[in-house]
Amino acid sequence: MNTLQNERETTAEETTDYWGVSSAIDLYECDLALMQNAEAIKDFVRILCDRIKMRCYGETQVVFFGDEPRVQGFSMTQLIETSLISAHFADASRAIYLDVFSCAPYDPEDAAKFAMEYFKASHYHLSVSYRR
């Protein structure tokens, strides 16, 4: 087994040998109406934070921008006490690019599956880095 595989098996109760977990979650063929709804995005963040046991710091920021139609859509940031959650919602491709970084342990697969269900994505790609 490689080192990355061993780290993924570490539970929240165990001592970790990394500083933080960074998850890049790419969601595809999402529900456009949800992606274009700032309140739905804020609700998603609130539920996600509860689910992965992170405490929000301040309000969720959701801003629509983009001069180029290919990248136009909402972007979201949410400070959490242990770091940051951010995302960009690309309307034209119906894709969401969600990043979760925290020095507190959480389950990246659970976060990805919840995001897929919430935004009704057909599938997702998950990349996990253990920051040292």
C-alpha atoms as a PDB file:
ATOM      1  CA  MET A   1       0.000   0.000   0.000  1.00  0.00           C
ATOM      2  CA  ASN A   2       1.305   3.459  -0.821  1.00  0.00           C
ATOM      3  CA  THR A   3       1.527   6.343   1.647  1.00  0.00           C
ATOM      4  CA  LEU A   4      -1.497   8.152   0.208  1.00  0.00           C
ATOM      5  CA  GLN A   5      -3.641   5.032   0.613  1.00  0.00           C
ATOM      6  CA  ASN A   6      -2.540   4.699   4.236  1.00  0.00           C
ATOM      7  CA  GLU A   7      -3.398   8.334   4.949  1.00  0.00           C
ATOM      8  CA  ARG A   8      -6.880   7.950   3.465  1.00  0.00           C
ATOM      9  CA  GLU A   9      -7.591   5.198   5.988  1.00  0.00           C
ATOM     10  CA  THR A  10      -6.862   7.496   8.935  1.00  0.00           C
ATOM     11  CA  THR A  11     -10.041   8.256  10.869  1.00  0.00           C
ATOM     12  CA  ALA A  12     -10.972  11.516  12.557  1.00  0.00           C
ATOM     13  CA  GLU A  13     -10.240   9.985  15.966  1.00  0.00           C
ATOM     14  CA  GLU A  14      -6.680   9.008  15.054  1.00  0.00           C
ATOM     15  CA  THR A  15      -3.671  11.301  15.025  1.00  0.00           C
ATOM     16  CA  THR A  16      -2.893  12.458  11.490  1.00  0.00           C
ATOM     17  CA  ASP A  17       0.561  12.851   9.995  1.00  0.00           C
ATOM     18  CA  TYR A  18      -0.526  15.716   7.739  1.00  0.00           C
ATOM     19  CA  TRP A  19      -1.468  19.330   8.380  1.00  0.00           C
ATOM     20  CA  GLY A  20      -4.662  19.519   6.362  1.00  0.00           C
ATOM     21  CA  VAL A  21      -6.921  17.867   3.801  1.00  0.00           C
ATOM     22  CA  SER A  22      -7.638  19.575   0.483  1.00  0.00           C
ATOM     23  CA  SER A  23     -10.397  18.198  -1.756  1.00  0.00           C
ATOM     24  CA  ALA A  24     -11.077  19.310  -5.314  1.00  0.00           C
ATOM     25  CA  ILE A  25     -14.564  18.126  -6.231  1.00  0.00           C
ATOM     26  CA  ASP A  26     -15.628  18.589  -9.862  1.00  0.00           C
ATOM     27  CA  LEU A  27     -19.363  18.039 -10.418  1.00  0.00           C
ATOM     28  CA  TYR A  28     -20.809  17.519 -13.911  1.00  0.00           C
ATOM     29  CA  GLU A  29     -24.252  17.920 -15.507  1.00  0.00           C
ATOM     30  CA  CYS A  30     -25.644  19.697 -12.461  1.00  0.00           C
ATOM     31  CA  ASP A  31     -29.134  21.137 -12.050  1.00  0.00           C
ATOM     32  CA  LEU A  32     -28.826  24.594 -13.631  1.00  0.00           C
ATOM     33  CA  ALA A  33     -31.661  26.076 -11.549  1.00  0.00           C
ATOM     34  CA  LEU A  34     -29.834  25.157  -8.311  1.00  0.00           C
ATOM     35  CA  MET A  35     -26.519  26.455  -9.648  1.00  0.00           C
ATOM     36  CA  GLN A  36     -28.124  29.802 -10.441  1.00  0.00           C
ATOM     37  CA  ASN A  37     -29.828  30.177  -7.064  1.00  0.00           C
ATOM     38  CA  ALA A  38     -27.700  32.069  -4.521  1.00  0.00           C
ATOM     39  CA  GLU A  39     -29.908  30.993  -1.590  1.00  0.00           C
ATOM     40  CA  ALA A  40     -29.643  27.317  -2.608  1.00  0.00           C
ATOM     41  CA  ILE A  41     -25.853  27.697  -2.715  1.00  0.00           C
ATOM     42  CA  LYS A  42     -25.850  29.229   0.774  1.00  0.00           C
ATOM     43  CA  ASP A  43     -28.071  26.406   2.057  1.00  0.00           C
ATOM     44  CA  PHE A  44     -25.681  23.869   0.528  1.00  0.00           C
ATOM     45  CA  VAL A  45     -22.732  25.425   2.372  1.00  0.00           C
ATOM     46  CA  ARG A  46     -24.595  25.448   5.692  1.00  0.00           C
ATOM     47  CA  ILE A  47     -25.587  21.782   5.344  1.00  0.00           C
ATOM     48  CA  LEU A  48     -22.126  20.745   4.117  1.00  0.00           C
ATOM     49  CA  CYS A  49     -20.446  22.442   7.071  1.00  0.00           C
ATOM     50  CA  ASP A  50     -22.795  20.685   9.495  1.00  0.00           C
ATOM     51  CA  ARG A  51     -22.209  17.366   7.749  1.00  0.00           C
ATOM     52  CA  ILE A  52     -18.397  17.553   7.846  1.00  0.00           C
ATOM     53  CA  LYS A  53     -18.426  19.192  11.290  1.00  0.00           C
ATOM     54  CA  MET A  54     -16.900  22.540  10.293  1.00  0.00           C
ATOM     55  CA  ARG A  55     -17.812  25.867  11.892  1.00  0.00           C
ATOM     56  CA  CYS A  56     -18.515  28.756   9.535  1.00  0.00           C
ATOM     57  CA  TYR A  57     -16.724  32.004  10.172  1.00  0.00           C
ATOM     58  CA  GLY A  58     -18.792  34.895   8.844  1.00  0.00           C
ATOM     59  CA  GLU A  59     -21.348  34.863   6.062  1.00  0.00           C
ATOM     60  CA  THR A  60     -21.196  32.814   2.887  1.00  0.00           C
ATOM     61  CA  GLN A  61     -20.225  35.067  -0.017  1.00  0.00           C
ATOM     62  CA  VAL A  62     -21.964  34.320  -3.328  1.00  0.00           C
ATOM     63  CA  VAL A  63     -21.156  36.609  -6.255  1.00  0.00           C
ATOM     64  CA  PHE A  64     -22.210  36.360  -9.913  1.00  0.00           C
ATOM     65  CA  PHE A  65     -19.639  37.426 -12.476  1.00  0.00           C
ATOM     66  CA  GLY A  66     -17.889  36.592 -15.708  1.00  0.00           C
ATOM     67  CA  ASP A  67     -17.669  38.524 -18.954  1.00  0.00           C
ATOM     68  CA  GLU A  68     -16.935  35.362 -20.900  1.00  0.00           C
ATOM     69  CA  PRO A  69     -19.992  33.094 -21.325  1.00  0.00           C
ATOM     70  CA  ARG A  70     -17.860  29.947 -20.904  1.00  0.00           C
ATOM     71  CA  VAL A  71     -16.993  30.839 -17.281  1.00  0.00           C
ATOM     72  CA  GLN A  72     -19.980  32.982 -16.308  1.00  0.00           C
ATOM     73  CA  GLY A  73     -21.741  32.009 -13.084  1.00  0.00           C
ATOM     74  CA  PHE A  74     -21.677  32.309  -9.315  1.00  0.00           C
ATOM     75  CA  SER A  75     -18.545  31.992  -7.223  1.00  0.00           C
ATOM     76  CA  MET A  76     -18.801  31.181  -3.536  1.00  0.00           C
ATOM     77  CA  THR A  77     -16.453  31.480  -0.586  1.00  0.00           C
ATOM     78  CA  GLN A  78     -17.007  30.448   2.998  1.00  0.00           C
ATOM     79  CA  LEU A  79     -14.384  30.888   5.657  1.00  0.00           C
ATOM     80  CA  ILE A  80     -14.430  28.103   8.196  1.00  0.00           C
ATOM     81  CA  GLU A  81     -12.587  28.139  11.499  1.00  0.00           C
ATOM     82  CA  THR A  82     -10.166  25.555  10.150  1.00  0.00           C
ATOM     83  CA  SER A  83      -9.693  27.151   6.675  1.00  0.00           C
ATOM     84  CA  LEU A  84     -11.893  27.649   3.574  1.00  0.00           C
ATOM     85  CA  ILE A  85     -14.590  26.254   1.286  1.00  0.00           C
ATOM     86  CA  SER A  86     -14.914  27.765  -2.181  1.00  0.00           C
ATOM     87  CA  ALA A  87     -16.591  26.974  -5.490  1.00  0.00           C
ATOM     88  CA  HIS A  88     -17.249  28.258  -8.973  1.00  0.00           C
ATOM     89  CA  PHE A  89     -20.486  27.448 -10.785  1.00  0.00           C
ATOM     90  CA  ALA A  90     -19.960  27.424 -14.570  1.00  0.00           C
ATOM     91  CA  ASP A  91     -23.433  27.869 -16.044  1.00  0.00           C
ATOM     92  CA  ALA A  92     -22.575  27.121 -19.696  1.00  0.00           C
ATOM     93  CA  SER A  93     -21.146  23.680 -18.929  1.00  0.00           C
ATOM     94  CA  ARG A  94     -23.378  22.996 -15.886  1.00  0.00           C
ATOM     95  CA  ALA A  95     -20.210  22.150 -13.938  1.00  0.00           C
ATOM     96  CA  ILE A  96     -19.302  23.051 -10.358  1.00  0.00           C
ATOM     97  CA  TYR A  97     -15.715  23.241  -9.132  1.00  0.00           C
ATOM     98  CA  LEU A  98     -15.794  22.893  -5.342  1.00  0.00           C
ATOM     99  CA  ASP A  99     -12.750  23.064  -3.054  1.00  0.00           C
ATOM    100  CA  VAL A 100     -12.755  22.111   0.619  1.00  0.00           C
ATOM    101  CA  PHE A 101      -9.602  22.723   2.647  1.00  0.00           C
ATOM    102  CA  SER A 102      -9.366  22.152   6.376  1.00  0.00           C
ATOM    103  CA  CYS A 103      -6.738  21.368   8.980  1.00  0.00           C
ATOM    104  CA  ALA A 104      -9.456  19.420  10.813  1.00  0.00           C
ATOM    105  CA  PRO A 105     -10.103  15.920   9.464  1.00  0.00           C
ATOM    106  CA  TYR A 106     -13.201  15.210   7.360  1.00  0.00           C
ATOM    107  CA  ASP A 107     -14.266  12.589   4.816  1.00  0.00           C
ATOM    108  CA  PRO A 108     -13.669  13.960   1.275  1.00  0.00           C
ATOM    109  CA  GLU A 109     -15.719  11.153  -0.299  1.00  0.00           C
ATOM    110  CA  ASP A 110     -18.714  12.029   1.889  1.00  0.00           C
ATOM    111  CA  ALA A 111     -18.406  15.707   0.943  1.00  0.00           C
ATOM    112  CA  ALA A 112     -18.257  14.801  -2.766  1.00  0.00           C
ATOM    113  CA  LYS A 113     -21.235  12.446  -2.607  1.00  0.00           C
ATOM    114  CA  PHE A 114     -23.304  15.012  -0.712  1.00  0.00           C
ATOM    115  CA  ALA A 115     -22.433  17.747  -3.244  1.00  0.00           C
ATOM    116  CA  MET A 116     -23.361  15.428  -6.119  1.00  0.00           C
ATOM    117  CA  GLU A 117     -26.724  14.630  -4.527  1.00  0.00           C
ATOM    118  CA  TYR A 118     -27.498  18.236  -3.574  1.00  0.00           C
ATOM    119  CA  PHE A 119     -26.779  19.691  -7.021  1.00  0.00           C
ATOM    120  CA  LYS A 120     -28.218  16.631  -8.819  1.00  0.00           C
ATOM    121  CA  ALA A 121     -24.975  16.037 -10.721  1.00  0.00           C
ATOM    122  CA  SER A 122     -24.694  13.004 -12.978  1.00  0.00           C
ATOM    123  CA  HIS A 123     -21.159  12.282 -11.737  1.00  0.00           C
ATOM    124  CA  TYR A 124     -18.114  13.813 -10.069  1.00  0.00           C
ATOM    125  CA  HIS A 125     -14.333  13.664  -9.998  1.00  0.00           C
ATOM    126  CA  LEU A 126     -12.556  13.881  -6.638  1.00  0.00           C
ATOM    127  CA  SER A 127      -8.901  14.763  -6.097  1.00  0.00           C
ATOM    128  CA  VAL A 128      -7.602  14.693  -2.524  1.00  0.00           C
ATOM    129  CA  SER A 129      -4.309  16.126  -1.301  1.00  0.00           C
ATOM    130  CA  TYR A 130      -2.942  15.733   2.187  1.00  0.00           C
ATOM    131  CA  ARG A 131      -1.068  18.963   2.931  1.00  0.00           C
ATOM    132  CA  ARG A 132       2.062  18.678   5.005  1.00  0.00           C
END
